[in-house]
């Protein structure tokens, strides 16, 4: 029995010597790939825009698994009141960092969404109620998943996006909205 174990040890050592270089090669391939497709054009539902927006994003820095991205979007929201309807612009802007190898990433970011919206005002002379267009902004945070190939192609991301709304209200206090998410679909190039 002892001779049988001693005869197997050289074979195990031989197999380990053969496997060791293969395992080093596999570890070398797990390094993050450099993104050649640094631009993305996508449609976002929810998220930074609140409703929907067409966005352009660009990777401005990458080092190993970490990439920094900036994006800007545009949307038109319909605001209806008793007196009239308005189509007003919304501009979401964001900077985010995403971390991961190859196609799958954890994304963390923050941004500002600029919003114009109607606010009812009363004319002090005539006591008529009229709409005044006021500027509003929201500071939005993002934690989510991002699918983007280094060489370009289909792009997808989904995330949790709570925000502070700094609306042009009389009390001036920001409101916090904890339950909001978003999904984006598009193309990276």
N, C-alpha and C. Protein backbone atom coordinates (compact mmCIF):
# COMPACT_ATOMS: atom_id res chain seq x y z
N UNK A 1 0.81 -1.19 0.00
CA UNK A 1 0.00 0.00 0.00
C UNK A 1 0.86 1.26 0.00
N UNK A 2 1.93 1.26 0.78
CA UNK A 2 2.81 2.43 0.83
C UNK A 2 3.50 2.65 -0.50
N UNK A 3 3.86 1.60 -1.19
CA UNK A 3 4.52 1.76 -2.49
C UNK A 3 3.56 2.33 -3.51
N UNK A 4 2.30 2.05 -3.40
CA UNK A 4 1.31 2.58 -4.34
C UNK A 4 1.18 4.09 -4.20
N UNK A 5 1.17 4.62 -2.97
CA UNK A 5 1.06 6.07 -2.74
C UNK A 5 2.31 6.77 -3.23
N UNK A 6 3.48 6.19 -2.99
CA UNK A 6 4.73 6.81 -3.41
C UNK A 6 4.87 6.80 -4.93
N UNK A 7 4.24 5.89 -5.59
CA UNK A 7 4.32 5.87 -7.05
C UNK A 7 3.37 6.90 -7.68
N UNK A 8 2.34 7.32 -6.94
CA UNK A 8 1.37 8.30 -7.47
C UNK A 8 1.90 9.73 -7.30
N UNK A 9 2.70 10.01 -6.28
CA UNK A 9 3.17 11.37 -5.99
C UNK A 9 3.91 11.98 -7.19
N UNK A 10 4.84 11.30 -7.86
CA UNK A 10 5.49 11.92 -9.03
C UNK A 10 4.50 12.24 -10.15
N UNK A 11 3.47 11.42 -10.28
CA UNK A 11 2.48 11.69 -11.32
C UNK A 11 1.67 12.94 -10.98
N UNK A 12 1.32 13.11 -9.71
CA UNK A 12 0.59 14.31 -9.28
C UNK A 12 1.45 15.55 -9.49
N UNK A 13 2.70 15.49 -9.14
CA UNK A 13 3.60 16.62 -9.33
C UNK A 13 3.73 16.96 -10.81
N UNK A 14 3.83 15.96 -11.65
CA UNK A 14 3.91 16.16 -13.10
C UNK A 14 2.65 16.86 -13.64
N UNK A 15 1.48 16.42 -13.18
CA UNK A 15 0.22 17.03 -13.62
C UNK A 15 0.14 18.48 -13.14
N UNK A 16 0.54 18.76 -11.90
CA UNK A 16 0.53 20.12 -11.38
C UNK A 16 1.47 21.03 -12.17
N UNK A 17 2.62 20.52 -12.56
CA UNK A 17 3.55 21.30 -13.37
C UNK A 17 2.94 21.64 -14.73
N UNK A 18 2.17 20.72 -15.28
CA UNK A 18 1.50 20.98 -16.56
C UNK A 18 0.36 21.98 -16.41
N UNK A 19 -0.39 21.90 -15.31
CA UNK A 19 -1.55 22.76 -15.10
C UNK A 19 -1.16 24.18 -14.70
N UNK A 20 -0.07 24.36 -13.98
CA UNK A 20 0.32 25.67 -13.47
C UNK A 20 0.46 26.73 -14.57
N UNK A 21 1.16 26.49 -15.68
CA UNK A 21 1.23 27.53 -16.73
C UNK A 21 -0.14 27.83 -17.35
N UNK A 22 -1.00 26.84 -17.46
CA UNK A 22 -2.34 27.06 -18.02
C UNK A 22 -3.14 27.97 -17.10
N UNK A 23 -3.03 27.76 -15.78
CA UNK A 23 -3.77 28.61 -14.85
C UNK A 23 -3.25 30.03 -14.86
N UNK A 24 -1.95 30.25 -15.05
CA UNK A 24 -1.42 31.60 -15.16
C UNK A 24 -1.95 32.29 -16.41
N UNK A 25 -2.07 31.56 -17.50
CA UNK A 25 -2.61 32.12 -18.73
C UNK A 25 -4.07 32.53 -18.53
N UNK A 26 -4.84 31.74 -17.82
CA UNK A 26 -6.25 32.08 -17.55
C UNK A 26 -6.36 33.33 -16.69
N UNK A 27 -5.47 33.51 -15.72
CA UNK A 27 -5.49 34.70 -14.89
C UNK A 27 -5.13 35.94 -15.69
N UNK A 28 -4.22 35.82 -16.65
CA UNK A 28 -3.85 36.95 -17.48
C UNK A 28 -5.03 37.43 -18.32
N UNK A 29 -5.90 36.55 -18.73
CA UNK A 29 -7.04 36.94 -19.54
C UNK A 29 -8.14 37.61 -18.72
N UNK A 30 -8.09 37.54 -17.42
CA UNK A 30 -9.14 38.14 -16.60
C UNK A 30 -8.91 39.62 -16.36
N UNK A 31 -7.84 40.20 -16.91
CA UNK A 31 -7.63 41.63 -16.79
C UNK A 31 -8.68 42.39 -17.57
N UNK A 32 -8.94 43.60 -17.16
CA UNK A 32 -9.94 44.42 -17.84
C UNK A 32 -9.46 44.82 -19.22
N UNK A 33 -10.40 44.84 -20.16
CA UNK A 33 -10.09 45.24 -21.52
C UNK A 33 -10.19 46.75 -21.65
N UNK A 34 -9.39 47.33 -22.54
CA UNK A 34 -9.47 48.75 -22.82
C UNK A 34 -10.66 49.00 -23.73
N UNK A 35 -11.48 50.00 -23.37
CA UNK A 35 -12.65 50.32 -24.16
C UNK A 35 -12.24 51.16 -25.37
N UNK A 36 -12.47 50.63 -26.56
CA UNK A 36 -12.24 51.40 -27.78
C UNK A 36 -13.50 52.15 -28.18
N UNK A 37 -14.65 51.64 -27.78
CA UNK A 37 -15.94 52.32 -28.03
C UNK A 37 -16.22 53.21 -26.83
N UNK A 38 -15.82 54.48 -26.93
CA UNK A 38 -15.91 55.38 -25.78
C UNK A 38 -17.20 56.21 -25.78
N UNK A 39 -18.00 56.14 -26.82
CA UNK A 39 -19.23 56.93 -26.93
C UNK A 39 -20.45 56.03 -26.85
N UNK A 40 -21.55 56.59 -26.37
CA UNK A 40 -22.81 55.84 -26.32
C UNK A 40 -23.97 56.81 -26.59
N UNK A 41 -24.91 56.36 -27.38
CA UNK A 41 -26.14 57.09 -27.65
C UNK A 41 -27.27 56.18 -27.20
N UNK A 42 -28.14 56.68 -26.30
CA UNK A 42 -29.14 55.79 -25.72
C UNK A 42 -30.39 56.53 -25.29
N UNK A 43 -31.47 55.77 -25.16
CA UNK A 43 -32.75 56.25 -24.68
C UNK A 43 -32.92 55.77 -23.24
N UNK A 44 -33.22 56.70 -22.35
CA UNK A 44 -33.39 56.37 -20.93
C UNK A 44 -34.83 56.58 -20.51
N UNK A 45 -35.37 55.61 -19.80
CA UNK A 45 -36.72 55.69 -19.23
C UNK A 45 -36.57 55.77 -17.72
N UNK A 46 -37.17 56.79 -17.09
CA UNK A 46 -36.98 57.00 -15.66
C UNK A 46 -35.59 57.55 -15.44
N UNK A 47 -34.94 57.10 -14.38
CA UNK A 47 -33.56 57.48 -14.13
C UNK A 47 -33.36 58.97 -13.97
N UNK A 48 -32.28 59.49 -14.54
CA UNK A 48 -31.94 60.91 -14.41
C UNK A 48 -32.98 61.83 -15.02
N UNK A 49 -33.63 61.37 -16.07
CA UNK A 49 -34.60 62.24 -16.75
C UNK A 49 -35.93 62.31 -16.02
N UNK A 50 -36.22 61.36 -15.18
CA UNK A 50 -37.50 61.33 -14.49
C UNK A 50 -38.57 60.63 -15.30
N UNK A 51 -38.63 60.88 -16.59
CA UNK A 51 -39.61 60.24 -17.47
C UNK A 51 -38.91 59.52 -18.62
N UNK A 52 -38.32 60.30 -19.51
CA UNK A 52 -37.57 59.75 -20.65
C UNK A 52 -36.60 60.82 -21.14
N UNK A 53 -35.54 60.41 -21.84
CA UNK A 53 -34.60 61.34 -22.46
C UNK A 53 -33.74 60.60 -23.46
N UNK A 54 -33.28 61.34 -24.45
CA UNK A 54 -32.26 60.85 -25.37
C UNK A 54 -30.93 61.37 -24.83
N UNK A 55 -29.96 60.47 -24.64
CA UNK A 55 -28.71 60.83 -23.99
C UNK A 55 -27.50 60.49 -24.85
N UNK A 56 -26.44 61.26 -24.63
CA UNK A 56 -25.13 60.96 -25.22
C UNK A 56 -24.15 60.85 -24.05
N UNK A 57 -23.36 59.78 -24.03
CA UNK A 57 -22.37 59.59 -22.98
C UNK A 57 -21.00 59.33 -23.57
N UNK A 58 -19.96 59.70 -22.84
CA UNK A 58 -18.60 59.47 -23.30
C UNK A 58 -17.72 59.06 -22.12
N UNK A 59 -16.92 58.04 -22.34
CA UNK A 59 -15.92 57.61 -21.35
C UNK A 59 -14.76 58.59 -21.45
N UNK A 60 -14.48 59.31 -20.37
CA UNK A 60 -13.43 60.33 -20.39
C UNK A 60 -12.12 59.84 -19.76
N UNK A 61 -12.20 58.74 -19.02
CA UNK A 61 -10.99 58.19 -18.39
C UNK A 61 -11.20 56.71 -18.13
N UNK A 62 -10.15 55.94 -18.35
CA UNK A 62 -10.21 54.53 -17.99
C UNK A 62 -8.84 54.06 -17.52
N UNK A 63 -8.88 53.28 -16.46
CA UNK A 63 -7.66 52.71 -15.91
C UNK A 63 -8.03 51.36 -15.33
N UNK A 64 -7.50 50.32 -15.94
CA UNK A 64 -7.78 48.95 -15.57
C UNK A 64 -9.28 48.69 -15.57
N UNK A 65 -9.88 48.39 -14.42
CA UNK A 65 -11.31 48.06 -14.36
C UNK A 65 -12.20 49.28 -14.17
N UNK A 66 -11.63 50.44 -13.87
CA UNK A 66 -12.40 51.64 -13.58
C UNK A 66 -12.51 52.54 -14.81
N UNK A 67 -13.73 52.98 -15.11
CA UNK A 67 -13.98 53.92 -16.20
C UNK A 67 -14.82 55.07 -15.65
N UNK A 68 -14.53 56.31 -16.10
CA UNK A 68 -15.32 57.48 -15.75
C UNK A 68 -16.08 57.93 -16.98
N UNK A 69 -17.36 58.22 -16.80
CA UNK A 69 -18.25 58.54 -17.90
C UNK A 69 -19.00 59.84 -17.60
N UNK A 70 -19.16 60.69 -18.60
CA UNK A 70 -20.03 61.86 -18.48
C UNK A 70 -21.13 61.72 -19.52
N UNK A 71 -22.32 62.22 -19.19
CA UNK A 71 -23.43 62.13 -20.14
C UNK A 71 -24.32 63.35 -20.01
N UNK A 72 -24.98 63.67 -21.10
CA UNK A 72 -25.96 64.75 -21.14
C UNK A 72 -27.12 64.29 -22.01
N UNK A 73 -28.32 64.72 -21.64
CA UNK A 73 -29.50 64.29 -22.38
C UNK A 73 -30.45 65.44 -22.63
N UNK A 74 -31.54 65.12 -23.33
CA UNK A 74 -32.56 66.12 -23.62
C UNK A 74 -33.92 65.44 -23.68
N UNK A 75 -34.91 66.15 -23.15
CA UNK A 75 -36.28 65.65 -23.17
C UNK A 75 -37.23 66.85 -23.16
N UNK A 76 -38.45 66.62 -23.59
CA UNK A 76 -39.51 67.64 -23.51
C UNK A 76 -40.64 67.03 -22.70
N UNK A 77 -41.06 67.73 -21.64
CA UNK A 77 -42.15 67.27 -20.81
C UNK A 77 -43.38 68.12 -21.06
N UNK A 78 -44.50 67.47 -21.09
CA UNK A 78 -45.77 68.18 -21.24
C UNK A 78 -46.32 68.48 -19.85
N UNK A 79 -46.61 69.74 -19.62
CA UNK A 79 -47.21 70.19 -18.36
C UNK A 79 -48.58 70.77 -18.69
N UNK A 80 -49.60 70.18 -18.17
CA UNK A 80 -50.95 70.68 -18.43
C UNK A 80 -51.54 71.32 -17.19
N UNK A 81 -52.13 72.47 -17.37
CA UNK A 81 -52.84 73.15 -16.28
C UNK A 81 -54.26 73.44 -16.76
N UNK A 82 -55.05 74.02 -15.88
CA UNK A 82 -56.43 74.36 -16.27
C UNK A 82 -56.45 75.41 -17.37
N UNK A 83 -55.45 76.26 -17.38
CA UNK A 83 -55.44 77.37 -18.33
C UNK A 83 -54.73 77.05 -19.64
N UNK A 84 -53.71 76.23 -19.62
CA UNK A 84 -52.95 75.98 -20.85
C UNK A 84 -52.07 74.74 -20.70
N UNK A 85 -51.48 74.34 -21.83
CA UNK A 85 -50.53 73.23 -21.88
C UNK A 85 -49.17 73.76 -22.31
N UNK A 86 -48.13 73.20 -21.70
CA UNK A 86 -46.77 73.63 -22.01
C UNK A 86 -45.93 72.40 -22.34
N UNK A 87 -45.04 72.55 -23.30
CA UNK A 87 -43.99 71.57 -23.55
C UNK A 87 -42.69 72.26 -23.17
N UNK A 88 -42.05 71.79 -22.10
CA UNK A 88 -40.87 72.45 -21.58
C UNK A 88 -39.67 71.49 -21.55
N UNK A 89 -38.45 72.02 -21.75
CA UNK A 89 -37.26 71.16 -21.84
C UNK A 89 -36.78 70.67 -20.47
N UNK A 90 -36.16 69.50 -20.52
CA UNK A 90 -35.51 68.88 -19.36
C UNK A 90 -34.13 68.44 -19.82
N UNK A 91 -33.09 68.77 -19.06
CA UNK A 91 -31.72 68.44 -19.44
C UNK A 91 -31.04 67.68 -18.30
N UNK A 92 -30.94 66.35 -18.41
CA UNK A 92 -30.21 65.58 -17.39
C UNK A 92 -28.71 65.52 -17.72
N UNK A 93 -27.88 65.73 -16.70
CA UNK A 93 -26.42 65.64 -16.83
C UNK A 93 -25.91 64.74 -15.70
N UNK A 94 -24.90 63.92 -16.01
CA UNK A 94 -24.43 62.97 -15.00
C UNK A 94 -22.95 62.67 -15.20
N UNK A 95 -22.28 62.39 -14.10
CA UNK A 95 -20.94 61.82 -14.14
C UNK A 95 -21.02 60.53 -13.34
N UNK A 96 -20.49 59.46 -13.92
CA UNK A 96 -20.57 58.17 -13.24
C UNK A 96 -19.26 57.42 -13.40
N UNK A 97 -19.04 56.51 -12.49
CA UNK A 97 -17.89 55.61 -12.55
C UNK A 97 -18.45 54.20 -12.66
N UNK A 98 -17.89 53.42 -13.58
CA UNK A 98 -18.29 52.02 -13.62
C UNK A 98 -17.06 51.15 -13.55
N UNK A 99 -17.25 50.03 -12.86
CA UNK A 99 -16.14 49.17 -12.51
C UNK A 99 -16.48 47.74 -12.89
N UNK A 100 -15.55 47.09 -13.56
CA UNK A 100 -15.74 45.70 -13.92
C UNK A 100 -14.88 45.31 -15.10
N UNK A 101 -14.89 44.03 -15.38
CA UNK A 101 -14.16 43.49 -16.52
C UNK A 101 -15.09 43.35 -17.70
N UNK A 102 -14.54 43.41 -18.86
CA UNK A 102 -15.23 43.06 -20.09
C UNK A 102 -16.58 43.78 -20.23
N UNK A 103 -17.71 43.07 -20.18
CA UNK A 103 -19.02 43.63 -20.51
C UNK A 103 -19.87 44.05 -19.31
N UNK A 104 -19.66 43.49 -18.14
CA UNK A 104 -20.55 43.67 -16.99
C UNK A 104 -19.90 44.57 -15.94
N UNK A 105 -20.67 45.61 -15.49
CA UNK A 105 -20.09 46.61 -14.60
C UNK A 105 -21.06 47.04 -13.50
N UNK A 106 -20.48 47.43 -12.37
CA UNK A 106 -21.21 48.13 -11.31
C UNK A 106 -21.05 49.61 -11.61
N UNK A 107 -22.16 50.36 -11.61
CA UNK A 107 -22.11 51.79 -11.94
C UNK A 107 -22.61 52.62 -10.76
N UNK A 108 -21.83 53.65 -10.42
CA UNK A 108 -22.18 54.57 -9.34
C UNK A 108 -21.98 55.98 -9.88
N UNK A 109 -22.97 56.86 -9.66
CA UNK A 109 -22.83 58.21 -10.19
C UNK A 109 -23.74 59.21 -9.53
N UNK A 110 -23.62 60.45 -9.98
CA UNK A 110 -24.46 61.54 -9.51
C UNK A 110 -24.62 62.53 -10.64
N UNK A 111 -25.73 63.26 -10.60
CA UNK A 111 -25.97 64.22 -11.65
C UNK A 111 -26.97 65.27 -11.25
N UNK A 112 -27.20 66.20 -12.18
CA UNK A 112 -28.16 67.27 -11.99
C UNK A 112 -29.10 67.27 -13.19
N UNK A 113 -30.39 67.37 -12.92
CA UNK A 113 -31.38 67.49 -13.98
C UNK A 113 -32.02 68.87 -13.88
N UNK A 114 -31.89 69.64 -14.95
CA UNK A 114 -32.48 70.99 -15.01
C UNK A 114 -33.86 70.89 -15.63
N UNK A 115 -34.84 71.52 -14.98
CA UNK A 115 -36.23 71.40 -15.40
C UNK A 115 -36.87 72.79 -15.41
N UNK A 116 -37.63 73.08 -16.46
CA UNK A 116 -38.50 74.26 -16.47
C UNK A 116 -39.91 73.74 -16.29
N UNK A 117 -40.68 74.39 -15.39
CA UNK A 117 -42.04 73.95 -15.15
C UNK A 117 -42.94 75.12 -14.79
N UNK A 118 -44.24 75.01 -15.09
CA UNK A 118 -45.16 76.09 -14.74
C UNK A 118 -45.48 76.10 -13.24
N UNK A 119 -45.63 77.29 -12.71
CA UNK A 119 -46.02 77.46 -11.32
C UNK A 119 -47.13 78.51 -11.27
N UNK A 120 -48.27 78.21 -10.65
CA UNK A 120 -49.35 79.19 -10.62
C UNK A 120 -48.99 80.40 -9.76
N UNK A 121 -49.25 81.57 -10.28
CA UNK A 121 -49.03 82.81 -9.55
C UNK A 121 -50.29 83.67 -9.63
N UNK A 122 -50.46 84.53 -8.66
CA UNK A 122 -51.61 85.43 -8.61
C UNK A 122 -51.14 86.85 -8.88
N UNK A 123 -51.79 87.49 -9.83
CA UNK A 123 -51.49 88.89 -10.13
C UNK A 123 -52.04 89.73 -8.98
N UNK A 124 -51.20 90.54 -8.31
CA UNK A 124 -51.67 91.31 -7.15
C UNK A 124 -52.68 92.40 -7.51
N UNK A 125 -52.67 92.86 -8.73
CA UNK A 125 -53.59 93.94 -9.12
C UNK A 125 -54.94 93.38 -9.51
N UNK A 126 -54.95 92.37 -10.37
CA UNK A 126 -56.22 91.84 -10.89
C UNK A 126 -56.71 90.60 -10.18
N UNK A 127 -55.88 90.02 -9.34
CA UNK A 127 -56.17 88.76 -8.63
C UNK A 127 -56.42 87.58 -9.57
N UNK A 128 -55.94 87.71 -10.80
CA UNK A 128 -56.05 86.60 -11.75
C UNK A 128 -54.90 85.62 -11.51
N UNK A 129 -55.22 84.36 -11.68
CA UNK A 129 -54.19 83.32 -11.56
C UNK A 129 -53.59 83.08 -12.93
N UNK A 130 -52.28 83.11 -12.97
CA UNK A 130 -51.56 82.89 -14.23
C UNK A 130 -50.40 81.93 -13.96
N UNK A 131 -49.88 81.34 -15.01
CA UNK A 131 -48.74 80.44 -14.88
C UNK A 131 -47.45 81.19 -15.15
N UNK A 132 -46.50 80.99 -14.26
CA UNK A 132 -45.17 81.53 -14.45
C UNK A 132 -44.24 80.34 -14.63
N UNK A 133 -43.34 80.41 -15.60
CA UNK A 133 -42.38 79.32 -15.84
C UNK A 133 -41.21 79.53 -14.87
N UNK A 134 -40.93 78.52 -14.05
CA UNK A 134 -39.86 78.60 -13.06
C UNK A 134 -38.82 77.51 -13.33
N UNK A 135 -37.61 77.81 -12.89
CA UNK A 135 -36.51 76.86 -13.01
C UNK A 135 -36.50 75.95 -11.79
N UNK A 136 -36.28 74.69 -12.03
CA UNK A 136 -36.21 73.70 -10.96
C UNK A 136 -35.05 72.77 -11.29
N UNK A 137 -34.48 72.18 -10.28
CA UNK A 137 -33.38 71.24 -10.49
C UNK A 137 -33.48 70.09 -9.51
N UNK A 138 -32.95 68.97 -9.91
CA UNK A 138 -32.90 67.79 -9.04
C UNK A 138 -31.48 67.24 -9.05
N UNK A 139 -30.99 66.88 -7.88
CA UNK A 139 -29.70 66.20 -7.75
C UNK A 139 -30.00 64.72 -7.63
N UNK A 140 -29.46 63.96 -8.56
CA UNK A 140 -29.82 62.54 -8.67
C UNK A 140 -28.59 61.67 -8.45
N UNK A 141 -28.79 60.57 -7.76
CA UNK A 141 -27.72 59.61 -7.49
C UNK A 141 -28.04 58.31 -8.22
N UNK A 142 -27.03 57.53 -8.53
CA UNK A 142 -27.23 56.28 -9.28
C UNK A 142 -26.37 55.17 -8.70
N UNK A 143 -27.00 54.00 -8.52
CA UNK A 143 -26.30 52.75 -8.22
C UNK A 143 -26.97 51.71 -9.10
N UNK A 144 -26.17 51.05 -9.94
CA UNK A 144 -26.81 50.10 -10.84
C UNK A 144 -25.87 49.20 -11.59
N UNK A 145 -26.43 48.55 -12.58
CA UNK A 145 -25.73 47.61 -13.45
C UNK A 145 -25.59 48.22 -14.83
N UNK A 146 -24.44 48.02 -15.45
CA UNK A 146 -24.19 48.53 -16.80
C UNK A 146 -23.61 47.42 -17.66
N UNK A 147 -24.24 47.19 -18.81
CA UNK A 147 -23.73 46.23 -19.79
C UNK A 147 -23.23 47.04 -20.98
N UNK A 148 -21.93 46.99 -21.22
CA UNK A 148 -21.33 47.69 -22.35
C UNK A 148 -20.09 46.94 -22.78
N UNK A 149 -20.04 46.58 -24.07
CA UNK A 149 -18.89 45.85 -24.61
C UNK A 149 -17.75 46.83 -24.88
N UNK A 150 -16.51 46.43 -24.62
CA UNK A 150 -15.37 47.31 -24.88
C UNK A 150 -15.25 47.73 -26.35
N UNK A 151 -15.65 46.85 -27.26
CA UNK A 151 -15.51 47.15 -28.69
C UNK A 151 -16.75 47.82 -29.28
N UNK A 152 -17.78 48.03 -28.48
CA UNK A 152 -18.99 48.70 -28.95
C UNK A 152 -20.12 47.73 -29.23
N UNK A 153 -21.27 48.29 -29.53
CA UNK A 153 -22.45 47.49 -29.81
C UNK A 153 -23.57 47.83 -28.85
N UNK A 154 -24.43 46.84 -28.63
CA UNK A 154 -25.60 47.04 -27.76
C UNK A 154 -25.17 47.51 -26.37
N UNK A 155 -25.93 48.46 -25.84
CA UNK A 155 -25.65 49.08 -24.55
C UNK A 155 -26.91 49.00 -23.69
N UNK A 156 -26.76 48.65 -22.41
CA UNK A 156 -27.90 48.57 -21.50
C UNK A 156 -27.43 48.95 -20.11
N UNK A 157 -28.29 49.63 -19.38
CA UNK A 157 -28.02 49.86 -17.96
C UNK A 157 -29.34 50.00 -17.22
N UNK A 158 -29.32 49.63 -15.96
CA UNK A 158 -30.48 49.73 -15.09
C UNK A 158 -29.98 50.13 -13.72
N UNK A 159 -30.74 50.99 -13.05
CA UNK A 159 -30.24 51.43 -11.76
C UNK A 159 -31.30 52.01 -10.85
N UNK A 160 -30.92 52.14 -9.61
CA UNK A 160 -31.70 52.78 -8.57
C UNK A 160 -31.25 54.24 -8.55
N UNK A 161 -32.20 55.19 -8.70
CA UNK A 161 -31.83 56.60 -8.85
C UNK A 161 -32.65 57.50 -7.92
N UNK A 162 -32.37 57.52 -6.62
CA UNK A 162 -33.06 58.45 -5.73
C UNK A 162 -32.59 59.88 -6.01
N UNK A 163 -33.41 60.87 -5.62
CA UNK A 163 -33.02 62.25 -5.90
C UNK A 163 -33.57 63.23 -4.87
N UNK A 164 -32.90 64.41 -4.83
CA UNK A 164 -33.37 65.57 -4.09
C UNK A 164 -33.91 66.55 -5.12
N UNK A 165 -35.16 66.99 -4.96
CA UNK A 165 -35.76 67.94 -5.87
C UNK A 165 -35.73 69.33 -5.25
N UNK A 166 -35.08 70.26 -5.94
CA UNK A 166 -35.00 71.64 -5.48
C UNK A 166 -35.96 72.48 -6.31
N UNK A 167 -37.24 72.21 -6.19
CA UNK A 167 -38.27 72.89 -6.97
C UNK A 167 -38.41 74.33 -6.51
N UNK A 168 -38.92 75.18 -7.39
CA UNK A 168 -39.14 76.58 -7.06
C UNK A 168 -40.39 76.75 -6.20
N UNK A 169 -40.37 76.15 -5.00
CA UNK A 169 -41.53 76.21 -4.12
C UNK A 169 -41.39 77.37 -3.13
N UNK A 170 -42.51 77.75 -2.54
CA UNK A 170 -42.51 78.87 -1.59
C UNK A 170 -41.66 78.59 -0.36
N UNK A 171 -41.71 77.36 0.16
CA UNK A 171 -40.97 77.06 1.39
C UNK A 171 -39.47 76.88 1.13
N UNK A 172 -39.08 76.60 -0.11
CA UNK A 172 -37.67 76.48 -0.46
C UNK A 172 -36.99 75.22 0.03
N UNK A 173 -37.71 74.33 0.67
CA UNK A 173 -37.10 73.10 1.17
C UNK A 173 -37.07 72.03 0.08
N UNK A 174 -35.92 71.37 -0.08
CA UNK A 174 -35.86 70.28 -1.07
C UNK A 174 -36.65 69.07 -0.59
N UNK A 175 -37.17 68.31 -1.53
CA UNK A 175 -37.86 67.07 -1.19
C UNK A 175 -37.00 65.91 -1.65
N UNK A 176 -37.04 64.82 -0.91
CA UNK A 176 -36.27 63.63 -1.25
C UNK A 176 -37.21 62.55 -1.76
N UNK A 177 -36.90 62.00 -2.90
CA UNK A 177 -37.68 60.90 -3.48
C UNK A 177 -36.79 59.66 -3.48
N UNK A 178 -37.12 58.71 -2.62
CA UNK A 178 -36.28 57.53 -2.46
C UNK A 178 -36.58 56.42 -3.44
N UNK A 179 -37.78 56.40 -4.00
CA UNK A 179 -38.17 55.27 -4.85
C UNK A 179 -38.23 55.73 -6.30
N UNK A 180 -37.15 55.52 -7.00
CA UNK A 180 -37.10 55.82 -8.43
C UNK A 180 -35.99 54.99 -9.05
N UNK A 181 -36.24 54.49 -10.21
CA UNK A 181 -35.25 53.71 -10.94
C UNK A 181 -35.31 54.07 -12.41
N UNK A 182 -34.40 53.51 -13.16
CA UNK A 182 -34.39 53.80 -14.58
C UNK A 182 -33.71 52.70 -15.37
N UNK A 183 -33.97 52.68 -16.67
CA UNK A 183 -33.35 51.72 -17.58
C UNK A 183 -32.98 52.47 -18.86
N UNK A 184 -31.84 52.12 -19.43
CA UNK A 184 -31.36 52.74 -20.65
C UNK A 184 -31.03 51.67 -21.67
N UNK A 185 -31.36 51.95 -22.93
CA UNK A 185 -31.05 51.06 -24.04
C UNK A 185 -30.44 51.89 -25.16
N UNK A 186 -29.39 51.39 -25.78
CA UNK A 186 -28.81 52.15 -26.87
C UNK A 186 -27.65 51.43 -27.52
N UNK A 187 -26.73 52.23 -28.05
CA UNK A 187 -25.62 51.72 -28.83
C UNK A 187 -24.34 52.44 -28.44
N UNK A 188 -23.27 51.69 -28.20
CA UNK A 188 -21.98 52.29 -27.92
C UNK A 188 -21.11 52.16 -29.17
N UNK A 189 -20.29 53.17 -29.41
CA UNK A 189 -19.45 53.18 -30.61
C UNK A 189 -18.14 53.90 -30.34
